[in-house]
Amino acid sequence: MGDKINELLMFSVVVIAGLSFLLFVISMISYSRLRELKLLFISLSFLVFFIKAILFLFMSSKNLIIMDLLIIAFLYIAAAKK
């Protein structure tokens, strides 16, 4: 039972890493075209998601909560920016 959960967890991390990297690239392209600061913060959020997923694959540490805080902070700044 524990092995299946670990396999599902690793699969989820790989999917999150792939999607976050794809969204990072798309949002950076949008930022390069429009030069809106809001898009830069969104791009940084997706980049931090990607880095967190990669770190989780190698470290498998639950101490990555700081990465979640950075992601939430970047998304908050992007949403609050007018």
PDB file of N, CA and C in Angstrom:
ATOM      1  N   MET A   1       0.825  -1.199   0.000  1.00  0.00           N
ATOM      2  CA  MET A   1       0.000   0.000   0.000  1.00  0.00           C
ATOM      3  C   MET A   1       0.865   1.257   0.000  1.00  0.00           C
ATOM      4  N   GLY A   2       1.935   1.268   0.803  1.00  0.00           N
ATOM      5  CA  GLY A   2       2.807   2.433   0.884  1.00  0.00           C
ATOM      6  C   GLY A   2       3.547   2.701  -0.406  1.00  0.00           C
ATOM      7  N   ASP A   3       3.921   1.631  -1.135  1.00  0.00           N
ATOM      8  CA  ASP A   3       4.626   1.809  -2.405  1.00  0.00           C
ATOM      9  C   ASP A   3       3.738   2.458  -3.448  1.00  0.00           C
ATOM     10  N   LYS A   4       2.458   2.077  -3.469  1.00  0.00           N
ATOM     11  CA  LYS A   4       1.532   2.665  -4.442  1.00  0.00           C
ATOM     12  C   LYS A   4       1.317   4.147  -4.157  1.00  0.00           C
ATOM     13  N   ILE A   5       1.268   4.491  -2.892  1.00  0.00           N
ATOM     14  CA  ILE A   5       1.111   5.903  -2.525  1.00  0.00           C
ATOM     15  C   ILE A   5       2.351   6.689  -2.934  1.00  0.00           C
ATOM     16  N   ASN A   6       3.527   6.127  -2.702  1.00  0.00           N
ATOM     17  CA  ASN A   6       4.763   6.800  -3.107  1.00  0.00           C
ATOM     18  C   ASN A   6       4.849   6.948  -4.615  1.00  0.00           C
ATOM     19  N   GLU A   7       4.418   5.921  -5.360  1.00  0.00           N
ATOM     20  CA  GLU A   7       4.415   6.010  -6.823  1.00  0.00           C
ATOM     21  C   GLU A   7       3.450   7.082  -7.297  1.00  0.00           C
ATOM     22  N   LEU A   8       2.267   7.138  -6.688  1.00  0.00           N
ATOM     23  CA  LEU A   8       1.286   8.161  -7.043  1.00  0.00           C
ATOM     24  C   LEU A   8       1.810   9.552  -6.704  1.00  0.00           C
ATOM     25  N   LEU A   9       2.473   9.678  -5.576  1.00  0.00           N
ATOM     26  CA  LEU A   9       3.058  10.953  -5.175  1.00  0.00           C
ATOM     27  C   LEU A   9       4.131  11.398  -6.166  1.00  0.00           C
ATOM     28  N   MET A  10       5.012  10.487  -6.546  1.00  0.00           N
ATOM     29  CA  MET A  10       6.072  10.822  -7.504  1.00  0.00           C
ATOM     30  C   MET A  10       5.490  11.177  -8.873  1.00  0.00           C
ATOM     31  N   PHE A  11       4.463  10.438  -9.304  1.00  0.00           N
ATOM     32  CA  PHE A  11       3.805  10.759 -10.572  1.00  0.00           C
ATOM     33  C   PHE A  11       3.207  12.158 -10.513  1.00  0.00           C
ATOM     34  N   SER A  12       2.551  12.478  -9.398  1.00  0.00           N
ATOM     35  CA  SER A  12       1.948  13.806  -9.238  1.00  0.00           C
ATOM     36  C   SER A  12       3.004  14.899  -9.278  1.00  0.00           C
ATOM     37  N   VAL A  13       4.138  14.657  -8.650  1.00  0.00           N
ATOM     38  CA  VAL A  13       5.214  15.650  -8.637  1.00  0.00           C
ATOM     39  C   VAL A  13       5.752  15.875 -10.042  1.00  0.00           C
ATOM     40  N   VAL A  14       5.900  14.801 -10.816  1.00  0.00           N
ATOM     41  CA  VAL A  14       6.387  14.934 -12.195  1.00  0.00           C
ATOM     42  C   VAL A  14       5.387  15.714 -13.041  1.00  0.00           C
ATOM     43  N   VAL A  15       4.096  15.433 -12.868  1.00  0.00           N
ATOM     44  CA  VAL A  15       3.065  16.163 -13.616  1.00  0.00           C
ATOM     45  C   VAL A  15       3.077  17.638 -13.225  1.00  0.00           C
ATOM     46  N   ILE A  16       3.164  17.927 -11.941  1.00  0.00           N
ATOM     47  CA  ILE A  16       3.209  19.316 -11.477  1.00  0.00           C
ATOM     48  C   ILE A  16       4.437  20.029 -12.032  1.00  0.00           C
ATOM     49  N   ALA A  17       5.577  19.344 -12.033  1.00  0.00           N
ATOM     50  CA  ALA A  17       6.804  19.951 -12.569  1.00  0.00           C
ATOM     51  C   ALA A  17       6.631  20.279 -14.047  1.00  0.00           C
ATOM     52  N   GLY A  18       6.092  19.348 -14.808  1.00  0.00           N
ATOM     53  CA  GLY A  18       5.910  19.578 -16.239  1.00  0.00           C
ATOM     54  C   GLY A  18       4.940  20.708 -16.531  1.00  0.00           C
ATOM     55  N   LEU A  19       3.799  20.689 -15.858  1.00  0.00           N
ATOM     56  CA  LEU A  19       2.801  21.737 -16.090  1.00  0.00           C
ATOM     57  C   LEU A  19       3.290  23.105 -15.628  1.00  0.00           C
ATOM     58  N   SER A  20       3.953  23.145 -14.499  1.00  0.00           N
ATOM     59  CA  SER A  20       4.431  24.444 -14.010  1.00  0.00           C
ATOM     60  C   SER A  20       5.515  25.007 -14.919  1.00  0.00           C
ATOM     61  N   PHE A  21       6.368  24.142 -15.470  1.00  0.00           N
ATOM     62  CA  PHE A  21       7.385  24.633 -16.400  1.00  0.00           C
ATOM     63  C   PHE A  21       6.731  25.148 -17.681  1.00  0.00           C
ATOM     64  N   LEU A  22       5.731  24.421 -18.179  1.00  0.00           N
ATOM     65  CA  LEU A  22       5.015  24.862 -19.378  1.00  0.00           C
ATOM     66  C   LEU A  22       4.335  26.209 -19.133  1.00  0.00           C
ATOM     67  N   LEU A  23       3.673  26.357 -17.990  1.00  0.00           N
ATOM     68  CA  LEU A  23       3.007  27.623 -17.676  1.00  0.00           C
ATOM     69  C   LEU A  23       4.010  28.747 -17.444  1.00  0.00           C
ATOM     70  N   PHE A  24       5.175  28.421 -16.901  1.00  0.00           N
ATOM     71  CA  PHE A  24       6.239  29.415 -16.746  1.00  0.00           C
ATOM     72  C   PHE A  24       6.670  29.945 -18.110  1.00  0.00           C
ATOM     73  N   VAL A  25       6.900  29.047 -19.057  1.00  0.00           N
ATOM     74  CA  VAL A  25       7.335  29.462 -20.399  1.00  0.00           C
ATOM     75  C   VAL A  25       6.265  30.321 -21.062  1.00  0.00           C
ATOM     76  N   ILE A  26       5.014  29.893 -20.977  1.00  0.00           N
ATOM     77  CA  ILE A  26       3.919  30.648 -21.600  1.00  0.00           C
ATOM     78  C   ILE A  26       3.793  32.036 -20.971  1.00  0.00           C
ATOM     79  N   SER A  27       3.860  32.107 -19.650  1.00  0.00           N
ATOM     80  CA  SER A  27       3.717  33.415 -19.000  1.00  0.00           C
ATOM     81  C   SER A  27       4.923  34.313 -19.256  1.00  0.00           C
ATOM     82  N   MET A  28       6.118  33.747 -19.410  1.00  0.00           N
ATOM     83  CA  MET A  28       7.290  34.567 -19.748  1.00  0.00           C
ATOM     84  C   MET A  28       7.175  35.117 -21.169  1.00  0.00           C
ATOM     85  N   ILE A  29       6.638  34.325 -22.082  1.00  0.00           N
ATOM     86  CA  ILE A  29       6.408  34.815 -23.444  1.00  0.00           C
ATOM     87  C   ILE A  29       5.412  35.971 -23.405  1.00  0.00           C
ATOM     88  N   SER A  30       4.354  35.811 -22.615  1.00  0.00           N
ATOM     89  CA  SER A  30       3.371  36.891 -22.481  1.00  0.00           C
ATOM     90  C   SER A  30       4.006  38.133 -21.874  1.00  0.00           C
ATOM     91  N   TYR A  31       4.844  37.939 -20.851  1.00  0.00           N
ATOM     92  CA  TYR A  31       5.518  39.082 -20.231  1.00  0.00           C
ATOM     93  C   TYR A  31       6.437  39.779 -21.227  1.00  0.00           C
ATOM     94  N   SER A  32       7.153  39.013 -22.030  1.00  0.00           N
ATOM     95  CA  SER A  32       8.084  39.630 -22.983  1.00  0.00           C
ATOM     96  C   SER A  32       7.342  40.438 -24.043  1.00  0.00           C
ATOM     97  N   ARG A  33       6.117  40.056 -24.331  1.00  0.00           N
ATOM     98  CA  ARG A  33       5.327  40.802 -25.321  1.00  0.00           C
ATOM     99  C   ARG A  33       4.658  42.037 -24.720  1.00  0.00           C
ATOM    100  N   LEU A  34       4.090  41.877 -23.528  1.00  0.00           N
ATOM    101  CA  LEU A  34       3.282  42.951 -22.943  1.00  0.00           C
ATOM    102  C   LEU A  34       4.023  43.810 -21.920  1.00  0.00           C
ATOM    103  N   ARG A  35       5.083  43.277 -21.324  1.00  0.00           N
ATOM    104  CA  ARG A  35       5.890  43.984 -20.323  1.00  0.00           C
ATOM    105  C   ARG A  35       5.061  44.473 -19.135  1.00  0.00           C
ATOM    106  N   GLU A  36       4.103  43.646 -18.698  1.00  0.00           N
ATOM    107  CA  GLU A  36       3.326  43.970 -17.504  1.00  0.00           C
ATOM    108  C   GLU A  36       3.955  43.276 -16.310  1.00  0.00           C
ATOM    109  N   LEU A  37       4.174  44.024 -15.250  1.00  0.00           N
ATOM    110  CA  LEU A  37       4.818  43.496 -14.055  1.00  0.00           C
ATOM    111  C   LEU A  37       4.022  42.336 -13.450  1.00  0.00           C
ATOM    112  N   LYS A  38       2.705  42.399 -13.571  1.00  0.00           N
ATOM    113  CA  LYS A  38       1.845  41.335 -13.058  1.00  0.00           C
ATOM    114  C   LYS A  38       2.207  39.988 -13.685  1.00  0.00           C
ATOM    115  N   LEU A  39       2.477  39.976 -14.974  1.00  0.00           N
ATOM    116  CA  LEU A  39       2.845  38.736 -15.658  1.00  0.00           C
ATOM    117  C   LEU A  39       4.204  38.220 -15.206  1.00  0.00           C
ATOM    118  N   LEU A  40       5.096  39.124 -14.839  1.00  0.00           N
ATOM    119  CA  LEU A  40       6.398  38.695 -14.329  1.00  0.00           C
ATOM    120  C   LEU A  40       6.239  37.955 -13.000  1.00  0.00           C
ATOM    121  N   PHE A  41       5.394  38.467 -12.110  1.00  0.00           N
ATOM    122  CA  PHE A  41       5.173  37.793 -10.830  1.00  0.00           C
ATOM    123  C   PHE A  41       4.486  36.440 -11.024  1.00  0.00           C
ATOM    124  N   ILE A  42       3.576  36.368 -11.972  1.00  0.00           N
ATOM    125  CA  ILE A  42       2.937  35.086 -12.276  1.00  0.00           C
ATOM    126  C   ILE A  42       3.973  34.105 -12.806  1.00  0.00           C
ATOM    127  N   SER A  43       4.860  34.581 -13.670  1.00  0.00           N
ATOM    128  CA  SER A  43       5.932  33.727 -14.196  1.00  0.00           C
ATOM    129  C   SER A  43       6.828  33.222 -13.077  1.00  0.00           C
ATOM    130  N   LEU A  44       7.191  34.114 -12.165  1.00  0.00           N
ATOM    131  CA  LEU A  44       8.033  33.716 -11.037  1.00  0.00           C
ATOM    132  C   LEU A  44       7.339  32.675 -10.160  1.00  0.00           C
ATOM    133  N   SER A  45       6.031  32.808 -10.002  1.00  0.00           N
ATOM    134  CA  SER A  45       5.286  31.825  -9.217  1.00  0.00           C
ATOM    135  C   SER A  45       5.376  30.440  -9.840  1.00  0.00           C
ATOM    136  N   PHE A  46       5.178  30.373 -11.148  1.00  0.00           N
ATOM    137  CA  PHE A  46       5.263  29.077 -11.818  1.00  0.00           C
ATOM    138  C   PHE A  46       6.685  28.530 -11.789  1.00  0.00           C
ATOM    139  N   LEU A  47       7.674  29.403 -11.857  1.00  0.00           N
ATOM    140  CA  LEU A  47       9.067  28.954 -11.770  1.00  0.00           C
ATOM    141  C   LEU A  47       9.353  28.350 -10.392  1.00  0.00           C
ATOM    142  N   VAL A  48       8.827  28.992  -9.342  1.00  0.00           N
ATOM    143  CA  VAL A  48       9.036  28.465  -7.997  1.00  0.00           C
ATOM    144  C   VAL A  48       8.315  27.122  -7.826  1.00  0.00           C
ATOM    145  N   PHE A  49       7.113  26.989  -8.409  1.00  0.00           N
ATOM    146  CA  PHE A  49       6.430  25.693  -8.402  1.00  0.00           C
ATOM    147  C   PHE A  49       7.309  24.623  -9.050  1.00  0.00           C
ATOM    148  N   PHE A  50       7.907  24.953 -10.189  1.00  0.00           N
ATOM    149  CA  PHE A  50       8.765  24.007 -10.901  1.00  0.00           C
ATOM    150  C   PHE A  50       9.974  23.620 -10.050  1.00  0.00           C
ATOM    151  N   ILE A  51      10.638  24.607  -9.477  1.00  0.00           N
ATOM    152  CA  ILE A  51      11.818  24.340  -8.642  1.00  0.00           C
ATOM    153  C   ILE A  51      11.433  23.482  -7.439  1.00  0.00           C
ATOM    154  N   LYS A  52      10.294  23.790  -6.840  1.00  0.00           N
ATOM    155  CA  LYS A  52       9.833  23.013  -5.687  1.00  0.00           C
ATOM    156  C   LYS A  52       9.602  21.557  -6.073  1.00  0.00           C
ATOM    157  N   ALA A  53       8.981  21.323  -7.212  1.00  0.00           N
ATOM    158  CA  ALA A  53       8.723  19.948  -7.649  1.00  0.00           C
ATOM    159  C   ALA A  53      10.027  19.197  -7.890  1.00  0.00           C
ATOM    160  N   ILE A  54      10.999  19.856  -8.506  1.00  0.00           N
ATOM    161  CA  ILE A  54      12.295  19.216  -8.753  1.00  0.00           C
ATOM    162  C   ILE A  54      12.994  18.912  -7.428  1.00  0.00           C
ATOM    163  N   LEU A  55      12.975  19.863  -6.504  1.00  0.00           N
ATOM    164  CA  LEU A  55      13.588  19.636  -5.192  1.00  0.00           C
ATOM    165  C   LEU A  55      12.905  18.489  -4.452  1.00  0.00           C
ATOM    166  N   PHE A  56      11.589  18.422  -4.568  1.00  0.00           N
ATOM    167  CA  PHE A  56      10.862  17.350  -3.895  1.00  0.00           C
ATOM    168  C   PHE A  56      11.252  15.989  -4.450  1.00  0.00           C
ATOM    169  N   LEU A  57      11.495  15.919  -5.762  1.00  0.00           N
ATOM    170  CA  LEU A  57      11.909  14.650  -6.362  1.00  0.00           C
ATOM    171  C   LEU A  57      13.224  14.161  -5.777  1.00  0.00           C
ATOM    172  N   PHE A  58      14.144  15.077  -5.526  1.00  0.00           N
ATOM    173  CA  PHE A  58      15.464  14.684  -5.042  1.00  0.00           C
ATOM    174  C   PHE A  58      15.571  14.652  -3.518  1.00  0.00           C
ATOM    175  N   MET A  59      14.868  15.528  -2.852  1.00  0.00           N
ATOM    176  CA  MET A  59      14.998  15.629  -1.402  1.00  0.00           C
ATOM    177  C   MET A  59      13.882  14.897  -0.667  1.00  0.00           C
ATOM    178  N   SER A  60      12.702  14.850  -1.278  1.00  0.00           N
ATOM    179  CA  SER A  60      11.522  14.245  -0.661  1.00  0.00           C
ATOM    180  C   SER A  60      11.337  14.758   0.765  1.00  0.00           C
ATOM    181  N   SER A  61      11.480  16.058   0.903  1.00  0.00           N
ATOM    182  CA  SER A  61      11.398  16.693   2.211  1.00  0.00           C
ATOM    183  C   SER A  61      10.072  17.419   2.358  1.00  0.00           C
ATOM    184  N   LYS A  62       9.550  17.384   3.537  1.00  0.00           N
ATOM    185  CA  LYS A  62       8.316  18.106   3.804  1.00  0.00           C
ATOM    186  C   LYS A  62       8.610  19.531   4.274  1.00  0.00           C
ATOM    187  N   ASN A  63       9.876  19.903   4.282  1.00  0.00           N
ATOM    188  CA  ASN A  63      10.267  21.245   4.712  1.00  0.00           C
ATOM    189  C   ASN A  63      10.230  22.249   3.569  1.00  0.00           C
ATOM    190  N   LEU A  64       9.553  21.916   2.506  1.00  0.00           N
ATOM    191  CA  LEU A  64       9.492  22.820   1.362  1.00  0.00           C
ATOM    192  C   LEU A  64       8.335  23.810   1.479  1.00  0.00           C
ATOM    193  N   ILE A  65       7.813  23.999   2.678  1.00  0.00           N
ATOM    194  CA  ILE A  65       6.711  24.929   2.897  1.00  0.00           C
ATOM    195  C   ILE A  65       7.115  26.360   2.574  1.00  0.00           C
ATOM    196  N   ILE A  66       8.388  26.684   2.694  1.00  0.00           N
ATOM    197  CA  ILE A  66       8.870  28.025   2.354  1.00  0.00           C
ATOM    198  C   ILE A  66       8.643  28.301   0.871  1.00  0.00           C
ATOM    199  N   MET A  67       8.791  27.263   0.038  1.00  0.00           N
ATOM    200  CA  MET A  67       8.535  27.428  -1.394  1.00  0.00           C
ATOM    201  C   MET A  67       7.061  27.772  -1.620  1.00  0.00           C
ATOM    202  N   ASP A  68       6.161  27.132  -0.876  1.00  0.00           N
ATOM    203  CA  ASP A  68       4.742  27.456  -0.991  1.00  0.00           C
ATOM    204  C   ASP A  68       4.484  28.907  -0.607  1.00  0.00           C
ATOM    205  N   LEU A  69       5.159  29.378   0.421  1.00  0.00           N
ATOM    206  CA  LEU A  69       5.006  30.766   0.845  1.00  0.00           C
ATOM    207  C   LEU A  69       5.457  31.727  -0.252  1.00  0.00           C
ATOM    208  N   LEU A  70       6.569  31.424  -0.915  1.00  0.00           N
ATOM    209  CA  LEU A  70       7.035  32.263  -2.028  1.00  0.00           C
ATOM    210  C   LEU A  70       6.025  32.275  -3.169  1.00  0.00           C
ATOM    211  N   ILE A  71       5.486  31.113  -3.481  1.00  0.00           N
ATOM    212  CA  ILE A  71       4.505  31.023  -4.563  1.00  0.00           C
ATOM    213  C   ILE A  71       3.286  31.872  -4.240  1.00  0.00           C
ATOM    214  N   ILE A  72       2.771  31.718  -3.034  1.00  0.00           N
ATOM    215  CA  ILE A  72       1.593  32.487  -2.641  1.00  0.00           C
ATOM    216  C   ILE A  72       1.900  33.984  -2.640  1.00  0.00           C
ATOM    217  N   ALA A  73       3.077  34.365  -2.190  1.00  0.00           N
ATOM    218  CA  ALA A  73       3.451  35.781  -2.175  1.00  0.00           C
ATOM    219  C   ALA A  73       3.509  36.351  -3.588  1.00  0.00           C
ATOM    220  N   PHE A  74       4.128  35.627  -4.523  1.00  0.00           N
ATOM    221  CA  PHE A  74       4.198  36.109  -5.908  1.00  0.00           C
ATOM    222  C   PHE A  74       2.804  36.221  -6.528  1.00  0.00           C
ATOM    223  N   LEU A  75       1.953  35.235  -6.291  1.00  0.00           N
ATOM    224  CA  LEU A  75       0.598  35.297  -6.846  1.00  0.00           C
ATOM    225  C   LEU A  75      -0.206  36.427  -6.207  1.00  0.00           C
ATOM    226  N   TYR A  76      -0.003  36.681  -4.913  1.00  0.00           N
ATOM    227  CA  TYR A  76      -0.685  37.788  -4.257  1.00  0.00           C
ATOM    228  C   TYR A  76      -0.247  39.122  -4.854  1.00  0.00           C
ATOM    229  N   ILE A  77       1.049  39.281  -5.044  1.00  0.00           N
ATOM    230  CA  ILE A  77       1.563  40.526  -5.631  1.00  0.00           C
ATOM    231  C   ILE A  77       0.998  40.726  -7.027  1.00  0.00           C
ATOM    232  N   ALA A  78       0.931  39.641  -7.799  1.00  0.00           N
ATOM    233  CA  ALA A  78       0.390  39.742  -9.159  1.00  0.00           C
ATOM    234  C   ALA A  78      -1.086  40.123  -9.127  1.00  0.00           C
ATOM    235  N   ALA A  79      -1.839  39.546  -8.208  1.00  0.00           N
ATOM    236  CA  ALA A  79      -3.270  39.842  -8.125  1.00  0.00           C
ATOM    237  C   ALA A  79      -3.522  41.246  -7.584  1.00  0.00           C
ATOM    238  N   ALA A  80      -2.689  41.704  -6.667  1.00  0.00           N
ATOM    239  CA  ALA A  80      -2.884  43.017  -6.055  1.00  0.00           C
ATOM    240  C   ALA A  80      -2.379  44.154  -6.933  1.00  0.00           C
ATOM    241  N   LYS A  81      -1.497  43.851  -7.865  1.00  0.00           N
ATOM    242  CA  LYS A  81      -0.910  44.871  -8.740  1.00  0.00           C
ATOM    243  C   LYS A  81      -1.972  45.385  -9.699  1.00  0.00           C
ATOM    244  N   LYS A  82      -2.088  46.706  -9.801  1.00  0.00           N
ATOM    245  CA  LYS A  82      -3.087  47.297 -10.704  1.00  0.00           C
ATOM    246  C   LYS A  82      -2.471  47.738 -11.988  1.00  0.00           C
TER     247      LYS A  82
END
